[in-house]
Amino acid sequence: MEPARPDPPPADRPGPPTALQRMLDWTGKVLEPVYGFRSLLAFKAKFRPEYRPMYMVYPDPAALPAITRAIGKACLPHMTPGQGVRLMRRLSG
């Protein structure tokens, strides 16, 4: 018996993107020069990886700012909030 396939990620679903998807797309574009998400994805594509959707479950959309801060702290542990704001302004402007 074949395992059940998970739902496709929101970016692959038909219909207009949600506000959250638009915000995530914008964040990805802004952070591209810093982290290189898209170039990393293009590099990995050469090896024909098997993509599996990943989901993050959170109790309430109001928790997203705290989750964002926690992820940012994990990726850039020495960045102060002020430096983060300046970085976002510089990248988006």
PDB file of N, CA and C in Angstrom:
ATOM      1  N   MET A   1       0.846  -1.188   0.000  1.00  0.00           N
ATOM      2  CA  MET A   1       0.000   0.000   0.000  1.00  0.00           C
ATOM      3  C   MET A   1       0.888   1.246   0.000  1.00  0.00           C
ATOM      4  N   GLU A   2       0.585   2.152  -0.883  1.00  0.00           N
ATOM      5  CA  GLU A   2       1.370   3.381  -1.000  1.00  0.00           C
ATOM      6  C   GLU A   2       0.954   4.376   0.081  1.00  0.00           C
ATOM      7  N   PRO A   3       1.932   5.055   0.720  1.00  0.00           N
ATOM      8  CA  PRO A   3       1.572   6.032   1.755  1.00  0.00           C
ATOM      9  C   PRO A   3       0.790   7.197   1.162  1.00  0.00           C
ATOM     10  N   ALA A   4      -0.053   7.782   1.984  1.00  0.00           N
ATOM     11  CA  ALA A   4      -0.841   8.938   1.541  1.00  0.00           C
ATOM     12  C   ALA A   4       0.089  10.099   1.238  1.00  0.00           C
ATOM     13  N   ARG A   5      -0.210  10.811   0.169  1.00  0.00           N
ATOM     14  CA  ARG A   5       0.587  11.978  -0.194  1.00  0.00           C
ATOM     15  C   ARG A   5       0.051  13.191   0.542  1.00  0.00           C
ATOM     16  N   PRO A   6       0.931  13.996   1.102  1.00  0.00           N
ATOM     17  CA  PRO A   6       0.463  15.204   1.795  1.00  0.00           C
ATOM     18  C   PRO A   6      -0.079  16.225   0.807  1.00  0.00           C
ATOM     19  N   ASP A   7      -0.852  17.159   1.323  1.00  0.00           N
ATOM     20  CA  ASP A   7      -1.345  18.256   0.485  1.00  0.00           C
ATOM     21  C   ASP A   7      -0.158  19.035  -0.050  1.00  0.00           C
ATOM     22  N   PRO A   8      -0.297  19.616  -1.241  1.00  0.00           N
ATOM     23  CA  PRO A   8       0.799  20.442  -1.751  1.00  0.00           C
ATOM     24  C   PRO A   8       0.960  21.681  -0.884  1.00  0.00           C
ATOM     25  N   PRO A   9       2.193  22.223  -0.831  1.00  0.00           N
ATOM     26  CA  PRO A   9       2.381  23.452  -0.051  1.00  0.00           C
ATOM     27  C   PRO A   9       1.534  24.580  -0.632  1.00  0.00           C
ATOM     28  N   PRO A  10       1.232  25.604   0.169  1.00  0.00           N
ATOM     29  CA  PRO A  10       0.356  26.691  -0.293  1.00  0.00           C
ATOM     30  C   PRO A  10       0.811  27.334  -1.602  1.00  0.00           C
ATOM     31  N   ALA A  11       2.108  27.442  -1.831  1.00  0.00           N
ATOM     32  CA  ALA A  11       2.585  28.086  -3.058  1.00  0.00           C
ATOM     33  C   ALA A  11       2.183  27.296  -4.299  1.00  0.00           C
ATOM     34  N   ASP A  12       1.939  25.987  -4.154  1.00  0.00           N
ATOM     35  CA  ASP A  12       1.580  25.153  -5.291  1.00  0.00           C
ATOM     36  C   ASP A  12       0.075  24.974  -5.454  1.00  0.00           C
ATOM     37  N   ARG A  13      -0.695  25.532  -4.559  1.00  0.00           N
ATOM     38  CA  ARG A  13      -2.146  25.404  -4.635  1.00  0.00           C
ATOM     39  C   ARG A  13      -2.704  26.460  -5.582  1.00  0.00           C
ATOM     40  N   PRO A  14      -3.777  26.105  -6.283  1.00  0.00           N
ATOM     41  CA  PRO A  14      -4.383  27.099  -7.181  1.00  0.00           C
ATOM     42  C   PRO A  14      -5.057  28.217  -6.382  1.00  0.00           C
ATOM     43  N   GLY A  15      -5.268  29.317  -7.042  1.00  0.00           N
ATOM     44  CA  GLY A  15      -5.954  30.439  -6.409  1.00  0.00           C
ATOM     45  C   GLY A  15      -4.981  31.532  -6.019  1.00  0.00           C
ATOM     46  N   PRO A  16      -5.515  32.672  -5.633  1.00  0.00           N
ATOM     47  CA  PRO A  16      -4.655  33.796  -5.272  1.00  0.00           C
ATOM     48  C   PRO A  16      -3.905  33.519  -3.963  1.00  0.00           C
ATOM     49  N   PRO A  17      -2.707  34.074  -3.822  1.00  0.00           N
ATOM     50  CA  PRO A  17      -1.951  33.855  -2.591  1.00  0.00           C
ATOM     51  C   PRO A  17      -2.610  34.567  -1.405  1.00  0.00           C
ATOM     52  N   THR A  18      -2.445  33.989  -0.254  1.00  0.00           N
ATOM     53  CA  THR A  18      -2.974  34.601   0.964  1.00  0.00           C
ATOM     54  C   THR A  18      -2.060  35.739   1.393  1.00  0.00           C
ATOM     55  N   ALA A  19      -2.516  36.526   2.340  1.00  0.00           N
ATOM     56  CA  ALA A  19      -1.692  37.619   2.864  1.00  0.00           C
ATOM     57  C   ALA A  19      -0.404  37.070   3.462  1.00  0.00           C
ATOM     58  N   LEU A  20      -0.501  35.947   4.161  1.00  0.00           N
ATOM     59  CA  LEU A  20       0.685  35.333   4.754  1.00  0.00           C
ATOM     60  C   LEU A  20       1.650  34.889   3.669  1.00  0.00           C
ATOM     61  N   GLN A  21       1.145  34.285   2.594  1.00  0.00           N
ATOM     62  CA  GLN A  21       2.026  33.839   1.506  1.00  0.00           C
ATOM     63  C   GLN A  21       2.701  35.029   0.846  1.00  0.00           C
ATOM     64  N   ARG A  22       1.969  36.118   0.661  1.00  0.00           N
ATOM     65  CA  ARG A  22       2.566  37.330   0.067  1.00  0.00           C
ATOM     66  C   ARG A  22       3.670  37.873   0.966  1.00  0.00           C
ATOM     67  N   MET A  23       3.434  37.874   2.291  1.00  0.00           N
ATOM     68  CA  MET A  23       4.446  38.358   3.232  1.00  0.00           C
ATOM     69  C   MET A  23       5.684  37.455   3.190  1.00  0.00           C
ATOM     70  N   LEU A  24       5.483  36.141   3.133  1.00  0.00           N
ATOM     71  CA  LEU A  24       6.618  35.217   3.082  1.00  0.00           C
ATOM     72  C   LEU A  24       7.394  35.374   1.779  1.00  0.00           C
ATOM     73  N   ASP A  25       6.688  35.572   0.677  1.00  0.00           N
ATOM     74  CA  ASP A  25       7.354  35.808  -0.611  1.00  0.00           C
ATOM     75  C   ASP A  25       8.192  37.079  -0.554  1.00  0.00           C
ATOM     76  N   TRP A  26       7.622  38.145   0.011  1.00  0.00           N
ATOM     77  CA  TRP A  26       8.348  39.415   0.133  1.00  0.00           C
ATOM     78  C   TRP A  26       9.587  39.234   1.002  1.00  0.00           C
ATOM     79  N   THR A  27       9.433  38.533   2.123  1.00  0.00           N
ATOM     80  CA  THR A  27      10.569  38.304   3.018  1.00  0.00           C
ATOM     81  C   THR A  27      11.662  37.522   2.302  1.00  0.00           C
ATOM     82  N   GLY A  28      11.264  36.506   1.529  1.00  0.00           N
ATOM     83  CA  GLY A  28      12.255  35.739   0.768  1.00  0.00           C
ATOM     84  C   GLY A  28      13.011  36.601  -0.222  1.00  0.00           C
ATOM     85  N   LYS A  29      12.290  37.490  -0.908  1.00  0.00           N
ATOM     86  CA  LYS A  29      12.945  38.379  -1.873  1.00  0.00           C
ATOM     87  C   LYS A  29      13.888  39.352  -1.183  1.00  0.00           C
ATOM     88  N   VAL A  30      13.458  39.883  -0.042  1.00  0.00           N
ATOM     89  CA  VAL A  30      14.283  40.851   0.691  1.00  0.00           C
ATOM     90  C   VAL A  30      15.550  40.190   1.234  1.00  0.00           C
ATOM     91  N   LEU A  31      15.409  38.965   1.728  1.00  0.00           N
ATOM     92  CA  LEU A  31      16.559  38.292   2.333  1.00  0.00           C
ATOM     93  C   LEU A  31      17.437  37.557   1.323  1.00  0.00           C
ATOM     94  N   GLU A  32      17.021  37.491   0.068  1.00  0.00           N
ATOM     95  CA  GLU A  32      17.807  36.791  -0.952  1.00  0.00           C
ATOM     96  C   GLU A  32      19.256  37.271  -1.007  1.00  0.00           C
ATOM     97  N   PRO A  33      19.528  38.591  -1.023  1.00  0.00           N
ATOM     98  CA  PRO A  33      20.927  39.021  -1.079  1.00  0.00           C
ATOM     99  C   PRO A  33      21.740  38.606   0.150  1.00  0.00           C
ATOM    100  N   VAL A  34      21.086  38.422   1.277  1.00  0.00           N
ATOM    101  CA  VAL A  34      21.789  38.079   2.517  1.00  0.00           C
ATOM    102  C   VAL A  34      22.016  36.575   2.612  1.00  0.00           C
ATOM    103  N   TYR A  35      20.991  35.803   2.338  1.00  0.00           N
ATOM    104  CA  TYR A  35      21.078  34.362   2.563  1.00  0.00           C
ATOM    105  C   TYR A  35      21.220  33.569   1.271  1.00  0.00           C
ATOM    106  N   GLY A  36      20.594  33.987   0.200  1.00  0.00           N
ATOM    107  CA  GLY A  36      20.691  33.279  -1.070  1.00  0.00           C
ATOM    108  C   GLY A  36      19.759  32.083  -1.172  1.00  0.00           C
ATOM    109  N   PHE A  37      18.509  32.238  -0.715  1.00  0.00           N
ATOM    110  CA  PHE A  37      17.547  31.137  -0.764  1.00  0.00           C
ATOM    111  C   PHE A  37      17.378  30.602  -2.181  1.00  0.00           C
ATOM    112  N   ARG A  38      17.140  31.498  -3.118  1.00  0.00           N
ATOM    113  CA  ARG A  38      16.852  31.073  -4.486  1.00  0.00           C
ATOM    114  C   ARG A  38      18.083  30.480  -5.162  1.00  0.00           C
ATOM    115  N   SER A  39      19.245  31.077  -4.941  1.00  0.00           N
ATOM    116  CA  SER A  39      20.451  30.513  -5.543  1.00  0.00           C
ATOM    117  C   SER A  39      20.787  29.165  -4.914  1.00  0.00           C
ATOM    118  N   LEU A  40      20.531  29.011  -3.626  1.00  0.00           N
ATOM    119  CA  LEU A  40      20.741  27.720  -2.974  1.00  0.00           C
ATOM    120  C   LEU A  40      19.786  26.674  -3.544  1.00  0.00           C
ATOM    121  N   LEU A  41      18.534  27.055  -3.756  1.00  0.00           N
ATOM    122  CA  LEU A  41      17.560  26.142  -4.347  1.00  0.00           C
ATOM    123  C   LEU A  41      17.992  25.736  -5.758  1.00  0.00           C
ATOM    124  N   ALA A  42      18.477  26.688  -6.550  1.00  0.00           N
ATOM    125  CA  ALA A  42      18.935  26.385  -7.904  1.00  0.00           C
ATOM    126  C   ALA A  42      20.133  25.433  -7.865  1.00  0.00           C
ATOM    127  N   PHE A  43      21.055  25.653  -6.939  1.00  0.00           N
ATOM    128  CA  PHE A  43      22.213  24.769  -6.802  1.00  0.00           C
ATOM    129  C   PHE A  43      21.776  23.359  -6.443  1.00  0.00           C
ATOM    130  N   LYS A  44      20.895  23.236  -5.465  1.00  0.00           N
ATOM    131  CA  LYS A  44      20.450  21.917  -5.024  1.00  0.00           C
ATOM    132  C   LYS A  44      19.664  21.188  -6.110  1.00  0.00           C
ATOM    133  N   ALA A  45      18.996  21.924  -6.994  1.00  0.00           N
ATOM    134  CA  ALA A  45      18.183  21.312  -8.046  1.00  0.00           C
ATOM    135  C   ALA A  45      19.034  20.439  -8.972  1.00  0.00           C
ATOM    136  N   LYS A  46      20.322  20.750  -9.103  1.00  0.00           N
ATOM    137  CA  LYS A  46      21.201  19.951  -9.954  1.00  0.00           C
ATOM    138  C   LYS A  46      21.277  18.495  -9.490  1.00  0.00           C
ATOM    139  N   PHE A  47      21.041  18.272  -8.222  1.00  0.00           N
ATOM    140  CA  PHE A  47      21.169  16.931  -7.651  1.00  0.00           C
ATOM    141  C   PHE A  47      19.840  16.176  -7.599  1.00  0.00           C
ATOM    142  N   ARG A  48      18.815  16.772  -8.215  1.00  0.00           N
ATOM    143  CA  ARG A  48      17.484  16.164  -8.291  1.00  0.00           C
ATOM    144  C   ARG A  48      16.972  15.692  -6.929  1.00  0.00           C
ATOM    145  N   PRO A  49      16.857  16.596  -5.991  1.00  0.00           N
ATOM    146  CA  PRO A  49      16.384  16.182  -4.668  1.00  0.00           C
ATOM    147  C   PRO A  49      14.898  15.830  -4.695  1.00  0.00           C
ATOM    148  N   GLU A  50      14.493  15.090  -3.731  1.00  0.00           N
ATOM    149  CA  GLU A  50      13.074  14.792  -3.558  1.00  0.00           C
ATOM    150  C   GLU A  50      12.517  15.827  -2.588  1.00  0.00           C
ATOM    151  N   TYR A  51      11.628  16.669  -3.078  1.00  0.00           N
ATOM    152  CA  TYR A  51      11.068  17.728  -2.241  1.00  0.00           C
ATOM    153  C   TYR A  51       9.902  17.189  -1.440  1.00  0.00           C
ATOM    154  N   ARG A  52       9.915  17.478  -0.173  1.00  0.00           N
ATOM    155  CA  ARG A  52       8.817  17.084   0.705  1.00  0.00           C
ATOM    156  C   ARG A  52       8.332  18.330   1.432  1.00  0.00           C
ATOM    157  N   PRO A  53       7.033  18.541   1.430  1.00  0.00           N
ATOM    158  CA  PRO A  53       6.524  19.742   2.112  1.00  0.00           C
ATOM    159  C   PRO A  53       6.780  19.672   3.612  1.00  0.00           C
ATOM    160  N   MET A  54       7.036  20.833   4.160  1.00  0.00           N
ATOM    161  CA  MET A  54       7.194  20.957   5.604  1.00  0.00           C
ATOM    162  C   MET A  54       6.174  21.991   6.073  1.00  0.00           C
ATOM    163  N   TYR A  55       5.603  21.731   7.192  1.00  0.00           N
ATOM    164  CA  TYR A  55       4.591  22.633   7.725  1.00  0.00           C
ATOM    165  C   TYR A  55       4.982  23.051   9.129  1.00  0.00           C
ATOM    166  N   MET A  56       4.656  24.253   9.463  1.00  0.00           N
ATOM    167  CA  MET A  56       4.862  24.731  10.821  1.00  0.00           C
ATOM    168  C   MET A  56       3.471  24.977  11.405  1.00  0.00           C
ATOM    169  N   VAL A  57       3.220  24.381  12.527  1.00  0.00           N
ATOM    170  CA  VAL A  57       1.932  24.539  13.195  1.00  0.00           C
ATOM    171  C   VAL A  57       2.129  25.543  14.322  1.00  0.00           C
ATOM    172  N   TYR A  58       1.246  26.508  14.380  1.00  0.00           N
ATOM    173  CA  TYR A  58       1.319  27.504  15.442  1.00  0.00           C
ATOM    174  C   TYR A  58      -0.091  27.742  15.953  1.00  0.00           C
ATOM    175  N   PRO A  59      -0.201  28.137  17.225  1.00  0.00           N
ATOM    176  CA  PRO A  59      -1.516  28.216  17.859  1.00  0.00           C
ATOM    177  C   PRO A  59      -2.416  29.319  17.334  1.00  0.00           C
ATOM    178  N   ASP A  60      -1.820  30.408  16.889  1.00  0.00           N
ATOM    179  CA  ASP A  60      -2.601  31.587  16.518  1.00  0.00           C
ATOM    180  C   ASP A  60      -1.708  32.482  15.660  1.00  0.00           C
ATOM    181  N   PRO A  61      -2.246  33.145  14.641  1.00  0.00           N
ATOM    182  CA  PRO A  61      -1.413  34.056  13.855  1.00  0.00           C
ATOM    183  C   PRO A  61      -0.723  35.125  14.708  1.00  0.00           C
ATOM    184  N   ALA A  62      -1.283  35.433  15.853  1.00  0.00           N
ATOM    185  CA  ALA A  62      -0.649  36.417  16.735  1.00  0.00           C
ATOM    186  C   ALA A  62       0.697  35.913  17.259  1.00  0.00           C
ATOM    187  N   ALA A  63       0.960  34.605  17.160  1.00  0.00           N
ATOM    188  CA  ALA A  63       2.234  34.033  17.607  1.00  0.00           C
ATOM    189  C   ALA A  63       3.337  34.208  16.567  1.00  0.00           C
ATOM    190  N   LEU A  64       2.978  34.578  15.341  1.00  0.00           N
ATOM    191  CA  LEU A  64       3.981  34.669  14.270  1.00  0.00           C
ATOM    192  C   LEU A  64       5.115  35.660  14.550  1.00  0.00           C
ATOM    193  N   PRO A  65       4.859  36.846  15.126  1.00  0.00           N
ATOM    194  CA  PRO A  65       6.002  37.724  15.421  1.00  0.00           C
ATOM    195  C   PRO A  65       7.013  37.087  16.381  1.00  0.00           C
ATOM    196  N   ALA A  66       6.536  36.405  17.400  1.00  0.00           N
ATOM    197  CA  ALA A  66       7.451  35.740  18.339  1.00  0.00           C
ATOM    198  C   ALA A  66       8.201  34.608  17.651  1.00  0.00           C
ATOM    199  N   ILE A  67       7.516  33.882  16.780  1.00  0.00           N
ATOM    200  CA  ILE A  67       8.161  32.803  16.028  1.00  0.00           C
ATOM    201  C   ILE A  67       9.229  33.386  15.100  1.00  0.00           C
ATOM    202  N   THR A  68       8.904  34.491  14.447  1.00  0.00           N
ATOM    203  CA  THR A  68       9.858  35.152  13.553  1.00  0.00           C
ATOM    204  C   THR A  68      11.097  35.588  14.315  1.00  0.00           C
ATOM    205  N   ARG A  69      10.898  36.179  15.491  1.00  0.00           N
ATOM    206  CA  ARG A  69      12.045  36.594  16.317  1.00  0.00           C
ATOM    207  C   ARG A  69      12.895  35.397  16.715  1.00  0.00           C
ATOM    208  N   ALA A  70      12.258  34.290  17.082  1.00  0.00           N
ATOM    209  CA  ALA A  70      13.001  33.096  17.498  1.00  0.00           C
ATOM    210  C   ALA A  70      13.825  32.525  16.339  1.00  0.00           C
ATOM    211  N   ILE A  71      13.242  32.483  15.148  1.00  0.00           N
ATOM    212  CA  ILE A  71      13.981  31.981  13.983  1.00  0.00           C
ATOM    213  C   ILE A  71      15.130  32.928  13.648  1.00  0.00           C
ATOM    214  N   GLY A  72      14.848  34.223  13.684  1.00  0.00           N
ATOM    215  CA  GLY A  72      15.900  35.206  13.429  1.00  0.00           C
ATOM    216  C   GLY A  72      17.036  35.090  14.426  1.00  0.00           C
ATOM    217  N   LYS A  73      16.696  34.891  15.680  1.00  0.00           N
ATOM    218  CA  LYS A  73      17.713  34.751  16.733  1.00  0.00           C
ATOM    219  C   LYS A  73      18.540  33.487  16.503  1.00  0.00           C
ATOM    220  N   ALA A  74      17.906  32.415  16.033  1.00  0.00           N
ATOM    221  CA  ALA A  74      18.634  31.175  15.766  1.00  0.00           C
ATOM    222  C   ALA A  74      19.594  31.345  14.584  1.00  0.00           C
ATOM    223  N   CYS A  75      19.171  32.093  13.566  1.00  0.00           N
ATOM    224  CA  CYS A  75      19.999  32.275  12.364  1.00  0.00           C
ATOM    225  C   CYS A  75      21.061  33.349  12.546  1.00  0.00           C
ATOM    226  N   LEU A  76      20.713  34.410  13.238  1.00  0.00           N
ATOM    227  CA  LEU A  76      21.624  35.548  13.444  1.00  0.00           C
ATOM    228  C   LEU A  76      21.649  35.886  14.938  1.00  0.00           C
ATOM    229  N   PRO A  77      22.314  35.060  15.750  1.00  0.00           N
ATOM    230  CA  PRO A  77      22.221  35.207  17.208  1.00  0.00           C
ATOM    231  C   PRO A  77      22.775  36.515  17.769  1.00  0.00           C
ATOM    232  N   HIS A  78      23.682  37.168  17.054  1.00  0.00           N
ATOM    233  CA  HIS A  78      24.296  38.384  17.602  1.00  0.00           C
ATOM    234  C   HIS A  78      23.663  39.669  17.076  1.00  0.00           C
ATOM    235  N   MET A  79      22.665  39.551  16.204  1.00  0.00           N
ATOM    236  CA  MET A  79      22.021  40.746  15.644  1.00  0.00           C
ATOM    237  C   MET A  79      21.060  41.340  16.665  1.00  0.00           C
ATOM    238  N   THR A  80      21.180  42.633  16.873  1.00  0.00           N
ATOM    239  CA  THR A  80      20.255  43.322  17.772  1.00  0.00           C
ATOM    240  C   THR A  80      18.974  43.661  17.014  1.00  0.00           C
ATOM    241  N   PRO A  81      17.879  43.939  17.723  1.00  0.00           N
ATOM    242  CA  PRO A  81      16.655  44.335  17.015  1.00  0.00           C
ATOM    243  C   PRO A  81      16.870  45.562  16.125  1.00  0.00           C
ATOM    244  N   GLY A  82      17.626  46.535  16.597  1.00  0.00           N
ATOM    245  CA  GLY A  82      17.897  47.730  15.793  1.00  0.00           C
ATOM    246  C   GLY A  82      18.650  47.398  14.520  1.00  0.00           C
ATOM    247  N   GLN A  83      19.630  46.502  14.610  1.00  0.00           N
ATOM    248  CA  GLN A  83      20.356  46.083  13.416  1.00  0.00           C
ATOM    249  C   GLN A  83      19.427  45.362  12.447  1.00  0.00           C
ATOM    250  N   GLY A  84      18.508  44.570  12.980  1.00  0.00           N
ATOM    251  CA  GLY A  84      17.542  43.871  12.130  1.00  0.00           C
ATOM    252  C   GLY A  84      16.652  44.836  11.377  1.00  0.00           C
ATOM    253  N   VAL A  85      16.175  45.866  12.067  1.00  0.00           N
ATOM    254  CA  VAL A  85      15.330  46.877  11.430  1.00  0.00           C
ATOM    255  C   VAL A  85      16.117  47.607  10.337  1.00  0.00           C
ATOM    256  N   ARG A  86      17.362  47.998  10.652  1.00  0.00           N
ATOM    257  CA  ARG A  86      18.187  48.687   9.645  1.00  0.00           C
ATOM    258  C   ARG A  86      18.456  47.790   8.443  1.00  0.00           C
ATOM    259  N   LEU A  87      18.706  46.511   8.681  1.00  0.00           N
ATOM    260  CA  LEU A  87      18.947  45.584   7.581  1.00  0.00           C
ATOM    261  C   LEU A  87      17.705  45.488   6.692  1.00  0.00           C
ATOM    262  N   MET A  88      16.540  45.332   7.291  1.00  0.00           N
ATOM    263  CA  MET A  88      15.296  45.220   6.506  1.00  0.00           C
ATOM    264  C   MET A  88      15.057  46.500   5.712  1.00  0.00           C
ATOM    265  N   ARG A  89      15.301  47.654   6.324  1.00  0.00           N
ATOM    266  CA  ARG A  89      15.116  48.926   5.593  1.00  0.00           C
ATOM    267  C   ARG A  89      16.069  49.032   4.417  1.00  0.00           C
ATOM    268  N   ARG A  90      17.314  48.645   4.634  1.00  0.00           N
ATOM    269  CA  ARG A  90      18.318  48.742   3.573  1.00  0.00           C
ATOM    270  C   ARG A  90      17.980  47.789   2.423  1.00  0.00           C
ATOM    271  N   LEU A  91      17.548  46.583   2.756  1.00  0.00           N
ATOM    272  CA  LEU A  91      17.263  45.589   1.729  1.00  0.00           C
ATOM    273  C   LEU A  91      15.980  45.882   0.964  1.00  0.00           C
ATOM    274  N   SER A  92      15.007  46.476   1.646  1.00  0.00           N
ATOM    275  CA  SER A  92      13.720  46.712   0.975  1.00  0.00           C
ATOM    276  C   SER A  92      13.672  48.047   0.257  1.00  0.00           C
ATOM    277  N   GLY A  93      14.602  48.929   0.527  1.00  0.00           N
ATOM    278  CA  GLY A  93      14.540  50.264  -0.066  1.00  0.00           C
ATOM    279  C   GLY A  93      15.467  50.419  -1.159  1.00  0.00           C
TER     280      GLY A  93
END
